[in-house]
N, C-alpha and C. Protein backbone atom coordinates (compact mmCIF):
# COMPACT_ATOMS: atom_id res chain seq x y z
N MET A 1 -171.67 -41.24 4.00
CA MET A 1 -171.41 -42.35 4.90
C MET A 1 -170.33 -43.25 4.34
N LYS A 2 -169.52 -43.81 5.20
CA LYS A 2 -168.52 -44.74 4.75
C LYS A 2 -169.14 -46.10 4.51
N ALA A 3 -168.47 -46.91 3.68
CA ALA A 3 -168.98 -48.25 3.42
C ALA A 3 -169.01 -49.05 4.70
N ILE A 4 -170.02 -49.89 4.84
CA ILE A 4 -170.16 -50.68 6.05
C ILE A 4 -169.12 -51.79 6.08
N ALA A 5 -168.88 -52.44 4.95
CA ALA A 5 -167.89 -53.51 4.90
C ALA A 5 -166.99 -53.23 3.72
N THR A 6 -165.83 -52.60 3.97
CA THR A 6 -164.99 -52.15 2.88
C THR A 6 -164.21 -53.32 2.28
N PHE A 7 -163.26 -53.87 3.02
CA PHE A 7 -162.56 -55.05 2.55
C PHE A 7 -163.13 -56.27 3.26
N LEU A 8 -163.44 -57.30 2.51
CA LEU A 8 -164.06 -58.49 3.06
C LEU A 8 -163.10 -59.67 2.91
N LEU A 9 -162.74 -60.27 4.05
CA LEU A 9 -161.86 -61.42 4.05
C LEU A 9 -162.69 -62.65 4.40
N ALA A 10 -162.70 -63.64 3.51
CA ALA A 10 -163.63 -64.76 3.66
C ALA A 10 -163.01 -65.95 4.37
N THR A 11 -163.85 -66.62 5.15
CA THR A 11 -163.49 -67.88 5.80
C THR A 11 -164.61 -68.87 5.53
N PRO A 12 -164.30 -70.12 5.07
CA PRO A 12 -165.38 -71.07 4.77
C PRO A 12 -166.19 -71.42 6.00
N ILE A 13 -167.50 -71.69 5.79
CA ILE A 13 -168.36 -72.19 6.85
C ILE A 13 -169.05 -73.44 6.32
N SER A 14 -169.79 -74.14 7.17
CA SER A 14 -170.52 -75.31 6.71
C SER A 14 -171.55 -74.89 5.69
N THR A 15 -171.76 -75.72 4.65
CA THR A 15 -172.71 -75.38 3.59
C THR A 15 -174.03 -76.06 3.84
N MET A 16 -175.04 -75.68 3.06
CA MET A 16 -176.35 -76.31 3.18
C MET A 16 -176.27 -77.77 2.77
N ALA A 17 -177.20 -78.59 3.27
CA ALA A 17 -177.19 -80.02 2.97
C ALA A 17 -177.26 -80.26 1.47
N SER A 18 -178.03 -79.47 0.76
CA SER A 18 -178.10 -79.60 -0.69
C SER A 18 -177.92 -78.22 -1.30
N ALA A 19 -177.05 -78.15 -2.30
CA ALA A 19 -176.77 -76.87 -2.93
C ALA A 19 -177.99 -76.40 -3.73
N VAL A 20 -178.25 -75.11 -3.66
CA VAL A 20 -179.41 -74.53 -4.34
C VAL A 20 -178.95 -73.30 -5.13
N PRO A 21 -179.37 -73.17 -6.40
CA PRO A 21 -178.98 -71.98 -7.17
C PRO A 21 -179.66 -70.72 -6.65
N VAL A 22 -178.97 -69.61 -6.79
CA VAL A 22 -179.48 -68.31 -6.36
C VAL A 22 -179.24 -67.31 -7.48
N THR A 23 -180.25 -66.51 -7.79
CA THR A 23 -180.10 -65.41 -8.74
C THR A 23 -180.27 -64.09 -7.97
N LEU A 24 -179.30 -63.20 -8.13
CA LEU A 24 -179.32 -61.91 -7.43
C LEU A 24 -179.35 -60.80 -8.47
N VAL A 25 -180.27 -59.87 -8.30
CA VAL A 25 -180.44 -58.80 -9.29
C VAL A 25 -180.39 -57.45 -8.59
N TYR A 26 -179.47 -56.60 -9.05
CA TYR A 26 -179.36 -55.22 -8.58
C TYR A 26 -179.72 -54.30 -9.75
N ALA A 27 -180.43 -53.23 -9.48
CA ALA A 27 -180.74 -52.24 -10.51
C ALA A 27 -180.59 -50.85 -9.92
N GLY A 28 -180.09 -49.93 -10.71
CA GLY A 28 -179.90 -48.58 -10.22
C GLY A 28 -179.48 -47.65 -11.34
N THR A 29 -178.80 -46.57 -10.97
CA THR A 29 -178.36 -45.57 -11.93
C THR A 29 -176.86 -45.33 -11.76
N LEU A 30 -176.14 -45.35 -12.87
CA LEU A 30 -174.70 -45.11 -12.81
C LEU A 30 -174.43 -43.64 -12.47
N PRO A 31 -173.38 -43.37 -11.69
CA PRO A 31 -173.04 -41.99 -11.33
C PRO A 31 -172.72 -41.12 -12.55
N SER A 32 -172.63 -39.83 -12.31
CA SER A 32 -172.66 -38.83 -13.39
C SER A 32 -171.42 -38.73 -14.26
N THR A 33 -170.32 -39.35 -13.90
CA THR A 33 -169.14 -39.30 -14.77
C THR A 33 -168.65 -40.70 -15.12
N SER A 34 -169.55 -41.67 -15.11
CA SER A 34 -169.18 -43.05 -15.44
C SER A 34 -168.96 -43.22 -16.94
N THR A 35 -168.06 -44.16 -17.30
CA THR A 35 -167.79 -44.43 -18.70
C THR A 35 -167.69 -45.94 -18.93
N LEU A 36 -168.00 -46.36 -20.15
CA LEU A 36 -167.86 -47.75 -20.56
C LEU A 36 -167.04 -47.78 -21.84
N GLY A 37 -165.86 -48.37 -21.78
CA GLY A 37 -164.99 -48.40 -22.95
C GLY A 37 -164.64 -47.01 -23.45
N GLY A 38 -164.60 -46.05 -22.53
CA GLY A 38 -164.26 -44.67 -22.87
C GLY A 38 -165.44 -43.80 -23.24
N ALA A 39 -166.61 -44.39 -23.45
CA ALA A 39 -167.81 -43.62 -23.80
C ALA A 39 -168.64 -43.35 -22.55
N SER A 40 -169.25 -42.20 -22.50
CA SER A 40 -170.03 -41.82 -21.32
C SER A 40 -171.28 -42.68 -21.17
N VAL A 41 -171.51 -43.13 -19.95
CA VAL A 41 -172.77 -43.80 -19.59
C VAL A 41 -173.34 -43.09 -18.36
N ALA A 42 -173.12 -41.80 -18.30
CA ALA A 42 -173.52 -40.98 -17.16
C ALA A 42 -175.02 -41.04 -16.92
N ASN A 43 -175.39 -41.26 -15.67
CA ASN A 43 -176.80 -41.23 -15.23
C ASN A 43 -177.68 -42.24 -15.97
N GLN A 44 -177.10 -43.30 -16.51
CA GLN A 44 -177.89 -44.29 -17.22
C GLN A 44 -178.27 -45.44 -16.29
N PRO A 45 -179.48 -45.99 -16.46
CA PRO A 45 -179.91 -47.10 -15.61
C PRO A 45 -179.14 -48.37 -15.95
N PHE A 46 -178.92 -49.20 -14.94
CA PHE A 46 -178.22 -50.46 -15.16
C PHE A 46 -178.94 -51.58 -14.42
N VAL A 47 -178.73 -52.81 -14.91
CA VAL A 47 -179.19 -54.01 -14.22
C VAL A 47 -178.00 -54.96 -14.12
N PHE A 48 -177.64 -55.33 -12.90
CA PHE A 48 -176.55 -56.25 -12.63
C PHE A 48 -177.18 -57.56 -12.17
N THR A 49 -177.00 -58.63 -12.94
CA THR A 49 -177.61 -59.93 -12.62
C THR A 49 -176.52 -60.96 -12.38
N ALA A 50 -176.58 -61.63 -11.23
CA ALA A 50 -175.56 -62.61 -10.88
C ALA A 50 -176.22 -63.95 -10.55
N THR A 51 -175.50 -65.03 -10.85
CA THR A 51 -175.94 -66.36 -10.45
C THR A 51 -174.91 -66.92 -9.47
N ALA A 52 -175.41 -67.69 -8.51
CA ALA A 52 -174.53 -68.24 -7.49
C ALA A 52 -175.14 -69.54 -6.97
N ASP A 53 -174.51 -70.12 -5.95
CA ASP A 53 -174.96 -71.39 -5.38
C ASP A 53 -174.79 -71.32 -3.87
N THR A 54 -175.81 -71.77 -3.14
CA THR A 54 -175.75 -71.69 -1.68
C THR A 54 -174.61 -72.52 -1.10
N ALA A 55 -174.06 -73.46 -1.89
CA ALA A 55 -172.93 -74.26 -1.42
C ALA A 55 -171.68 -73.40 -1.21
N ASN A 56 -171.69 -72.20 -1.79
CA ASN A 56 -170.50 -71.34 -1.74
C ASN A 56 -170.62 -70.21 -0.72
N VAL A 57 -171.61 -70.28 0.17
CA VAL A 57 -171.73 -69.25 1.21
C VAL A 57 -170.57 -69.38 2.20
N THR A 58 -169.93 -68.25 2.51
CA THR A 58 -168.86 -68.21 3.50
C THR A 58 -169.14 -67.08 4.48
N THR A 59 -168.30 -66.96 5.49
CA THR A 59 -168.38 -65.82 6.39
C THR A 59 -167.09 -65.02 6.29
N ALA A 60 -167.18 -63.75 6.59
CA ALA A 60 -166.00 -62.89 6.57
C ALA A 60 -165.28 -62.99 7.90
N SER A 61 -163.94 -63.12 7.85
CA SER A 61 -163.17 -63.11 9.09
C SER A 61 -163.14 -61.70 9.69
N PHE A 62 -163.34 -60.71 8.83
CA PHE A 62 -163.48 -59.32 9.29
C PHE A 62 -164.29 -58.56 8.25
N PRO A 63 -165.32 -57.81 8.65
CA PRO A 63 -165.85 -57.71 10.01
C PRO A 63 -166.71 -58.92 10.36
N ALA A 64 -167.04 -59.07 11.64
CA ALA A 64 -167.83 -60.19 12.11
C ALA A 64 -169.29 -60.03 11.66
N GLY A 65 -170.01 -61.16 11.57
CA GLY A 65 -171.44 -61.12 11.26
C GLY A 65 -171.76 -60.89 9.80
N VAL A 66 -170.79 -61.14 8.90
CA VAL A 66 -171.01 -60.91 7.48
C VAL A 66 -171.00 -62.24 6.73
N PHE A 67 -172.11 -62.53 6.01
CA PHE A 67 -172.18 -63.68 5.11
C PHE A 67 -171.78 -63.22 3.71
N LEU A 68 -171.04 -64.08 3.00
CA LEU A 68 -170.59 -63.76 1.65
C LEU A 68 -171.03 -64.85 0.69
N LEU A 69 -171.43 -64.46 -0.51
CA LEU A 69 -171.79 -65.42 -1.54
C LEU A 69 -171.10 -65.02 -2.84
N ARG A 70 -170.04 -65.77 -3.19
CA ARG A 70 -169.32 -65.50 -4.43
C ARG A 70 -170.19 -65.85 -5.63
N HIS A 71 -170.22 -64.96 -6.62
CA HIS A 71 -171.02 -65.18 -7.82
C HIS A 71 -170.30 -66.13 -8.78
N ASP A 72 -171.05 -67.08 -9.34
CA ASP A 72 -170.49 -67.96 -10.36
C ASP A 72 -170.36 -67.23 -11.70
N SER A 73 -171.30 -66.35 -11.98
CA SER A 73 -171.27 -65.55 -13.20
C SER A 73 -172.10 -64.30 -12.99
N ALA A 74 -171.86 -63.29 -13.81
CA ALA A 74 -172.61 -62.04 -13.69
C ALA A 74 -172.63 -61.31 -15.02
N THR A 75 -173.71 -60.56 -15.23
CA THR A 75 -173.82 -59.70 -16.41
C THR A 75 -174.30 -58.32 -15.97
N ILE A 76 -174.06 -57.34 -16.81
CA ILE A 76 -174.59 -56.00 -16.56
C ILE A 76 -175.16 -55.45 -17.86
N SER A 77 -176.37 -54.92 -17.78
CA SER A 77 -177.02 -54.29 -18.92
C SER A 77 -177.19 -52.81 -18.59
N ILE A 78 -176.81 -51.95 -19.52
CA ILE A 78 -176.86 -50.51 -19.30
C ILE A 78 -177.84 -49.87 -20.26
N ASN A 79 -178.79 -49.13 -19.70
CA ASN A 79 -179.80 -48.40 -20.48
C ASN A 79 -180.56 -49.32 -21.44
N GLY A 80 -180.89 -50.53 -20.97
CA GLY A 80 -181.66 -51.45 -21.79
C GLY A 80 -180.88 -52.14 -22.87
N GLY A 81 -179.55 -51.97 -22.89
CA GLY A 81 -178.71 -52.57 -23.91
C GLY A 81 -178.46 -54.05 -23.65
N PRO A 82 -177.61 -54.66 -24.48
CA PRO A 82 -177.33 -56.10 -24.33
C PRO A 82 -176.64 -56.39 -23.01
N ALA A 83 -176.80 -57.63 -22.53
CA ALA A 83 -176.16 -58.05 -21.29
C ALA A 83 -174.68 -58.28 -21.54
N LEU A 84 -173.84 -57.51 -20.87
CA LEU A 84 -172.39 -57.65 -20.99
C LEU A 84 -171.89 -58.58 -19.89
N THR A 85 -171.00 -59.48 -20.24
CA THR A 85 -170.43 -60.38 -19.25
C THR A 85 -169.50 -59.60 -18.33
N VAL A 86 -169.67 -59.76 -17.03
CA VAL A 86 -168.79 -59.11 -16.05
C VAL A 86 -167.58 -60.02 -15.85
N LEU A 87 -166.40 -59.52 -16.18
CA LEU A 87 -165.18 -60.31 -16.09
C LEU A 87 -164.53 -60.21 -14.72
N SER A 88 -164.79 -59.13 -14.00
CA SER A 88 -164.27 -58.98 -12.64
C SER A 88 -165.03 -59.91 -11.71
N ALA A 89 -164.34 -60.50 -10.74
CA ALA A 89 -165.01 -61.34 -9.75
C ALA A 89 -165.94 -60.47 -8.91
N SER A 90 -167.09 -61.05 -8.49
CA SER A 90 -168.05 -60.28 -7.70
C SER A 90 -168.72 -61.19 -6.68
N GLU A 91 -169.32 -60.58 -5.68
CA GLU A 91 -170.02 -61.33 -4.65
C GLU A 91 -171.08 -60.44 -4.01
N THR A 92 -172.04 -61.08 -3.34
CA THR A 92 -173.04 -60.35 -2.55
C THR A 92 -172.71 -60.58 -1.08
N PHE A 93 -172.76 -59.51 -0.29
CA PHE A 93 -172.51 -59.63 1.14
C PHE A 93 -173.78 -59.29 1.91
N SER A 94 -173.91 -59.90 3.08
CA SER A 94 -175.01 -59.59 4.00
C SER A 94 -174.41 -59.35 5.38
N ASN A 95 -174.46 -58.10 5.81
CA ASN A 95 -173.94 -57.74 7.12
C ASN A 95 -175.08 -57.84 8.12
N THR A 96 -175.14 -58.95 8.88
CA THR A 96 -176.26 -59.18 9.79
C THR A 96 -176.17 -58.33 11.05
N THR A 97 -175.04 -57.70 11.28
CA THR A 97 -174.92 -56.81 12.44
C THR A 97 -175.76 -55.55 12.25
N VAL A 98 -175.80 -55.06 11.01
CA VAL A 98 -176.57 -53.84 10.72
C VAL A 98 -177.68 -54.10 9.70
N ASP A 99 -177.87 -55.38 9.31
CA ASP A 99 -178.94 -55.78 8.39
C ASP A 99 -178.88 -55.04 7.06
N ILE A 100 -177.71 -55.09 6.43
CA ILE A 100 -177.50 -54.46 5.14
C ILE A 100 -176.97 -55.49 4.14
N VAL A 101 -177.55 -55.50 2.93
CA VAL A 101 -177.09 -56.36 1.85
C VAL A 101 -176.53 -55.49 0.73
N GLY A 102 -175.48 -55.97 0.06
CA GLY A 102 -174.92 -55.19 -1.03
C GLY A 102 -174.03 -56.00 -1.94
N LEU A 103 -173.54 -55.34 -2.98
CA LEU A 103 -172.69 -55.93 -4.01
C LEU A 103 -171.25 -55.49 -3.80
N ALA A 104 -170.32 -56.44 -3.89
CA ALA A 104 -168.90 -56.13 -3.79
C ALA A 104 -168.18 -56.72 -4.98
N VAL A 105 -167.10 -56.08 -5.41
CA VAL A 105 -166.35 -56.55 -6.58
C VAL A 105 -164.86 -56.59 -6.27
N GLN A 106 -164.16 -57.36 -7.08
CA GLN A 106 -162.71 -57.48 -6.97
C GLN A 106 -162.09 -56.79 -8.17
N THR A 107 -161.19 -55.86 -7.93
CA THR A 107 -160.55 -55.12 -9.01
C THR A 107 -159.04 -55.17 -8.84
N ALA A 108 -158.33 -54.61 -9.81
CA ALA A 108 -156.87 -54.57 -9.71
C ALA A 108 -156.43 -53.81 -8.45
N PHE A 109 -157.23 -52.83 -8.05
CA PHE A 109 -156.91 -52.02 -6.87
C PHE A 109 -157.00 -52.83 -5.59
N THR A 110 -157.97 -53.74 -5.50
CA THR A 110 -158.22 -54.45 -4.25
C THR A 110 -157.39 -55.72 -4.10
N GLY A 111 -156.73 -56.17 -5.19
CA GLY A 111 -155.96 -57.39 -5.09
C GLY A 111 -156.88 -58.57 -4.81
N PRO A 112 -156.56 -59.41 -3.80
CA PRO A 112 -157.40 -60.59 -3.53
C PRO A 112 -158.69 -60.26 -2.79
N ASN A 113 -158.83 -59.03 -2.33
CA ASN A 113 -159.99 -58.65 -1.53
C ASN A 113 -161.11 -58.06 -2.38
N PHE A 114 -162.29 -57.96 -1.78
CA PHE A 114 -163.45 -57.39 -2.46
C PHE A 114 -163.80 -56.06 -1.81
N LEU A 115 -164.27 -55.13 -2.65
CA LEU A 115 -164.61 -53.79 -2.19
C LEU A 115 -166.08 -53.53 -2.47
N ASP A 116 -166.77 -52.95 -1.50
CA ASP A 116 -168.19 -52.62 -1.69
C ASP A 116 -168.39 -51.78 -2.95
N LEU A 117 -169.46 -52.06 -3.68
CA LEU A 117 -169.80 -51.26 -4.86
C LEU A 117 -171.19 -50.66 -4.75
N PHE A 118 -172.19 -51.48 -4.43
CA PHE A 118 -173.58 -51.02 -4.45
C PHE A 118 -174.26 -51.62 -3.23
N SER A 119 -174.70 -50.76 -2.30
CA SER A 119 -175.22 -51.30 -1.04
C SER A 119 -176.31 -50.42 -0.45
N ARG A 120 -176.60 -50.69 0.84
CA ARG A 120 -177.63 -50.00 1.62
C ARG A 120 -179.02 -50.57 1.38
N PHE A 121 -179.12 -51.89 1.14
CA PHE A 121 -180.41 -52.54 1.04
C PHE A 121 -180.70 -53.25 2.36
N SER A 122 -181.81 -52.91 2.99
CA SER A 122 -182.11 -53.41 4.33
C SER A 122 -182.82 -54.76 4.28
N VAL A 123 -182.12 -55.82 4.72
CA VAL A 123 -182.67 -57.17 4.81
C VAL A 123 -182.21 -57.74 6.15
N THR A 124 -183.14 -58.17 7.00
CA THR A 124 -182.81 -58.61 8.34
C THR A 124 -182.24 -60.03 8.37
N ASP A 125 -181.06 -60.17 8.98
CA ASP A 125 -180.43 -61.48 9.23
C ASP A 125 -180.41 -62.37 7.98
N TYR A 126 -180.03 -61.83 6.86
CA TYR A 126 -180.09 -62.60 5.62
C TYR A 126 -178.88 -63.53 5.48
N ASP A 127 -179.14 -64.82 5.20
CA ASP A 127 -178.06 -65.81 5.06
C ASP A 127 -178.11 -66.55 3.73
N PHE A 128 -178.86 -66.04 2.77
CA PHE A 128 -178.95 -66.56 1.40
C PHE A 128 -179.73 -67.88 1.28
N THR A 129 -180.46 -68.27 2.30
CA THR A 129 -181.23 -69.51 2.23
C THR A 129 -182.67 -69.29 1.76
N THR A 130 -183.11 -68.05 1.68
CA THR A 130 -184.48 -67.73 1.26
C THR A 130 -184.47 -66.64 0.21
N SER A 131 -185.56 -66.56 -0.54
CA SER A 131 -185.69 -65.51 -1.55
C SER A 131 -186.02 -64.18 -0.88
N VAL A 132 -185.66 -63.10 -1.54
CA VAL A 132 -185.97 -61.74 -1.08
C VAL A 132 -186.75 -61.05 -2.19
N PRO A 133 -188.03 -60.72 -1.96
CA PRO A 133 -188.78 -59.98 -2.98
C PRO A 133 -188.07 -58.66 -3.28
N GLN A 134 -188.32 -58.14 -4.46
CA GLN A 134 -187.66 -56.89 -4.85
C GLN A 134 -187.93 -55.78 -3.84
N ILE A 135 -186.85 -55.20 -3.34
CA ILE A 135 -186.95 -54.07 -2.42
C ILE A 135 -186.28 -52.86 -3.04
N THR A 136 -186.80 -51.69 -2.72
CA THR A 136 -186.28 -50.44 -3.27
C THR A 136 -185.72 -49.57 -2.17
N ASN A 137 -184.57 -48.99 -2.44
CA ASN A 137 -183.98 -48.00 -1.53
C ASN A 137 -183.84 -46.70 -2.33
N PRO A 138 -184.52 -45.63 -1.92
CA PRO A 138 -184.45 -44.38 -2.68
C PRO A 138 -183.07 -43.74 -2.67
N THR A 139 -182.22 -44.18 -1.75
CA THR A 139 -180.86 -43.63 -1.69
C THR A 139 -179.83 -44.76 -1.64
N ALA A 140 -180.02 -45.81 -2.44
CA ALA A 140 -179.02 -46.87 -2.54
C ALA A 140 -177.69 -46.23 -2.92
N GLN A 141 -176.61 -46.75 -2.39
CA GLN A 141 -175.35 -46.03 -2.50
C GLN A 141 -174.33 -46.76 -3.36
N ILE A 142 -173.80 -46.03 -4.35
CA ILE A 142 -172.61 -46.48 -5.06
C ILE A 142 -171.44 -46.02 -4.19
N VAL A 143 -170.68 -46.97 -3.67
CA VAL A 143 -169.62 -46.61 -2.73
C VAL A 143 -168.26 -46.96 -3.31
N ASN A 144 -167.22 -46.37 -2.71
CA ASN A 144 -165.84 -46.61 -3.16
C ASN A 144 -165.72 -46.35 -4.66
N LEU A 145 -165.88 -45.09 -5.04
CA LEU A 145 -165.92 -44.71 -6.45
C LEU A 145 -164.56 -44.87 -7.14
N GLN A 146 -164.57 -44.63 -8.44
CA GLN A 146 -163.41 -44.77 -9.31
C GLN A 146 -162.98 -46.22 -9.44
N GLN A 147 -163.93 -47.15 -9.29
CA GLN A 147 -163.63 -48.55 -9.51
C GLN A 147 -163.71 -48.86 -11.00
N VAL A 148 -162.89 -49.81 -11.42
CA VAL A 148 -162.90 -50.26 -12.80
C VAL A 148 -163.44 -51.68 -12.83
N LEU A 149 -164.61 -51.83 -13.44
CA LEU A 149 -165.25 -53.14 -13.55
C LEU A 149 -165.03 -53.65 -14.97
N ALA A 150 -164.28 -54.74 -15.11
CA ALA A 150 -164.00 -55.28 -16.45
C ALA A 150 -165.22 -56.01 -16.98
N THR A 151 -165.64 -55.68 -18.22
CA THR A 151 -166.78 -56.33 -18.85
C THR A 151 -166.42 -56.70 -20.29
N SER A 152 -167.26 -57.52 -20.91
CA SER A 152 -167.04 -57.91 -22.30
C SER A 152 -167.21 -56.73 -23.25
N GLY A 153 -167.79 -55.63 -22.77
CA GLY A 153 -167.97 -54.43 -23.58
C GLY A 153 -166.94 -53.36 -23.30
N GLY A 154 -165.90 -53.70 -22.53
CA GLY A 154 -164.88 -52.73 -22.15
C GLY A 154 -164.92 -52.45 -20.66
N ASP A 155 -163.98 -51.66 -20.19
CA ASP A 155 -163.91 -51.33 -18.77
C ASP A 155 -165.02 -50.33 -18.40
N LEU A 156 -165.77 -50.67 -17.36
CA LEU A 156 -166.78 -49.77 -16.83
C LEU A 156 -166.16 -49.03 -15.65
N ILE A 157 -165.95 -47.73 -15.82
CA ILE A 157 -165.39 -46.90 -14.75
C ILE A 157 -166.54 -46.19 -14.06
N ILE A 158 -166.72 -46.50 -12.80
CA ILE A 158 -167.86 -45.99 -12.03
C ILE A 158 -167.40 -44.79 -11.23
N SER A 159 -167.93 -43.62 -11.58
CA SER A 159 -167.44 -42.39 -10.97
C SER A 159 -168.53 -41.33 -10.96
N GLY A 160 -168.60 -40.55 -9.88
CA GLY A 160 -169.56 -39.47 -9.77
C GLY A 160 -170.29 -39.50 -8.45
N PRO A 161 -171.35 -38.67 -8.27
CA PRO A 161 -172.14 -38.65 -7.03
C PRO A 161 -172.61 -40.06 -6.67
N ASN A 162 -172.61 -40.35 -5.37
CA ASN A 162 -172.72 -41.75 -4.96
C ASN A 162 -174.02 -42.15 -4.29
N SER A 163 -175.12 -41.47 -4.56
CA SER A 163 -176.38 -41.87 -3.96
C SER A 163 -177.51 -41.68 -4.95
N ALA A 164 -178.23 -42.76 -5.25
CA ALA A 164 -179.34 -42.72 -6.21
C ALA A 164 -180.27 -43.89 -5.90
N PRO A 165 -181.51 -43.86 -6.40
CA PRO A 165 -182.44 -44.97 -6.14
C PRO A 165 -181.91 -46.29 -6.70
N GLY A 166 -182.28 -47.40 -6.07
CA GLY A 166 -181.86 -48.70 -6.55
C GLY A 166 -182.75 -49.79 -6.00
N THR A 167 -182.65 -50.99 -6.61
CA THR A 167 -183.43 -52.14 -6.14
C THR A 167 -182.52 -53.35 -5.99
N PHE A 168 -182.98 -54.29 -5.15
CA PHE A 168 -182.28 -55.57 -4.97
C PHE A 168 -183.32 -56.66 -4.82
N GLN A 169 -183.04 -57.84 -5.38
CA GLN A 169 -183.87 -58.99 -5.13
C GLN A 169 -183.02 -60.26 -5.23
N ALA A 170 -183.42 -61.29 -4.51
CA ALA A 170 -182.73 -62.58 -4.56
C ALA A 170 -183.77 -63.67 -4.74
N THR A 171 -183.51 -64.56 -5.66
CA THR A 171 -184.42 -65.67 -5.91
C THR A 171 -183.66 -66.98 -5.71
N VAL A 172 -184.08 -67.76 -4.72
CA VAL A 172 -183.43 -69.02 -4.40
C VAL A 172 -184.17 -70.16 -5.09
N GLY A 173 -183.44 -70.94 -5.90
CA GLY A 173 -184.03 -72.11 -6.54
C GLY A 173 -184.71 -71.84 -7.86
N ALA A 174 -184.64 -70.61 -8.37
CA ALA A 174 -185.28 -70.27 -9.65
C ALA A 174 -184.57 -69.06 -10.22
N THR A 175 -184.98 -68.67 -11.41
CA THR A 175 -184.39 -67.52 -12.09
C THR A 175 -185.21 -66.28 -11.82
N ALA A 176 -184.56 -65.22 -11.40
CA ALA A 176 -185.27 -63.96 -11.12
C ALA A 176 -185.62 -63.26 -12.42
N ILE A 177 -186.68 -62.47 -12.38
CA ILE A 177 -187.09 -61.65 -13.52
C ILE A 177 -186.52 -60.25 -13.33
N PRO A 178 -185.65 -59.79 -14.24
CA PRO A 178 -185.07 -58.45 -14.10
C PRO A 178 -186.15 -57.38 -14.07
N PRO A 179 -185.85 -56.23 -13.46
CA PRO A 179 -186.82 -55.14 -13.42
C PRO A 179 -187.23 -54.71 -14.82
N PRO A 180 -188.51 -54.38 -15.05
CA PRO A 180 -188.95 -53.96 -16.37
C PRO A 180 -188.34 -52.62 -16.75
N PRO A 181 -188.24 -52.33 -18.06
CA PRO A 181 -187.66 -51.06 -18.50
C PRO A 181 -188.34 -49.85 -17.88
N THR A 182 -189.65 -49.93 -17.63
CA THR A 182 -190.36 -48.78 -17.05
C THR A 182 -189.83 -48.46 -15.66
N LEU A 183 -189.49 -49.51 -14.88
CA LEU A 183 -188.93 -49.26 -13.55
C LEU A 183 -187.55 -48.64 -13.67
N LEU A 184 -186.75 -49.14 -14.62
CA LEU A 184 -185.41 -48.58 -14.80
C LEU A 184 -185.48 -47.11 -15.18
N LEU A 185 -186.43 -46.76 -16.06
CA LEU A 185 -186.58 -45.37 -16.44
C LEU A 185 -187.01 -44.52 -15.24
N SER A 186 -187.88 -45.09 -14.40
CA SER A 186 -188.31 -44.38 -13.19
C SER A 186 -187.14 -44.14 -12.26
N LEU A 187 -186.28 -45.17 -12.11
CA LEU A 187 -185.11 -45.03 -11.25
C LEU A 187 -184.18 -43.95 -11.80
N ALA A 188 -184.00 -43.96 -13.13
CA ALA A 188 -183.15 -42.94 -13.73
C ALA A 188 -183.73 -41.55 -13.51
N GLY A 189 -185.07 -41.43 -13.65
CA GLY A 189 -185.72 -40.14 -13.44
C GLY A 189 -185.57 -39.66 -12.02
N LEU A 190 -185.73 -40.57 -11.05
CA LEU A 190 -185.56 -40.20 -9.65
C LEU A 190 -184.13 -39.76 -9.38
N GLY A 191 -183.18 -40.46 -10.04
CA GLY A 191 -181.79 -40.07 -9.86
C GLY A 191 -181.52 -38.68 -10.38
N LEU A 192 -182.10 -38.34 -11.54
CA LEU A 192 -181.92 -37.00 -12.10
C LEU A 192 -182.57 -35.95 -11.22
N LEU A 193 -183.76 -36.28 -10.67
CA LEU A 193 -184.43 -35.34 -9.76
C LEU A 193 -183.59 -35.11 -8.52
N SER A 194 -182.93 -36.18 -8.05
CA SER A 194 -182.08 -36.05 -6.88
C SER A 194 -180.93 -35.11 -7.15
N VAL A 195 -180.31 -35.28 -8.36
CA VAL A 195 -179.20 -34.39 -8.74
C VAL A 195 -179.68 -32.96 -8.86
N ALA A 196 -180.86 -32.75 -9.49
CA ALA A 196 -181.40 -31.41 -9.66
C ALA A 196 -181.71 -30.77 -8.31
N SER A 197 -182.18 -31.57 -7.37
CA SER A 197 -182.49 -31.05 -6.04
C SER A 197 -181.24 -30.58 -5.34
N ARG A 198 -180.14 -31.37 -5.49
CA ARG A 198 -178.89 -30.96 -4.84
C ARG A 198 -178.36 -29.66 -5.45
N VAL A 199 -178.48 -29.56 -6.79
CA VAL A 199 -178.02 -28.34 -7.46
C VAL A 199 -178.83 -27.14 -6.98
N ALA A 200 -180.18 -27.34 -6.87
CA ALA A 200 -181.06 -26.25 -6.43
C ALA A 200 -180.72 -25.80 -5.02
N ARG A 201 -180.42 -26.76 -4.16
CA ARG A 201 -180.06 -26.40 -2.79
C ARG A 201 -178.78 -25.60 -2.74
N ARG A 202 -177.82 -25.97 -3.60
CA ARG A 202 -176.57 -25.20 -3.61
C ARG A 202 -176.84 -23.78 -4.10
N GLY A 203 -177.72 -23.68 -5.13
CA GLY A 203 -178.02 -22.38 -5.67
C GLY A 203 -178.79 -21.50 -4.74
N GLY A 204 -179.62 -22.15 -3.84
CA GLY A 204 -180.46 -21.38 -2.92
C GLY A 204 -179.69 -20.83 -1.77
């Protein structure tokens, strides 16, 4: 499937009466040929944690019906390792036309625009004013591959098969608790089973 919102162009909208902090947490499995600083991180679980503020919610001029929340800061932890600072700009989008929430990033390739990275989480009419309990999508999608995400640990090149289990949660007004290592290992295991299943089908 193609990305639902590929390039997102933002237009300011009225903000909430009082700004409220938001923590957004994505967890999943990196595709099979991903690298960090030149070293393989293939099929390893990751947690992407971002902080933002409801005062910064905007709408996209294209496509219609999309809310955007630029992240004030973000980190990514791979395979239970230390939290690396994400140097590339990032944001969470909510496409209320199709009720999909996802992560978008800005890279050298996209210029001033943001490109979908991790999406396919179903949340109805989400506008970032309420918390979202952790939801799981067994086929959360890494989209628009071959992106280079700059981090304090080197460039993370995201490349490989683009569908694996993942989770998303948003906590408004408090700090979210990242998924426990056992869940990350389960997600990684499901991702490997998915790859094995595809290989078996080709062989059959």
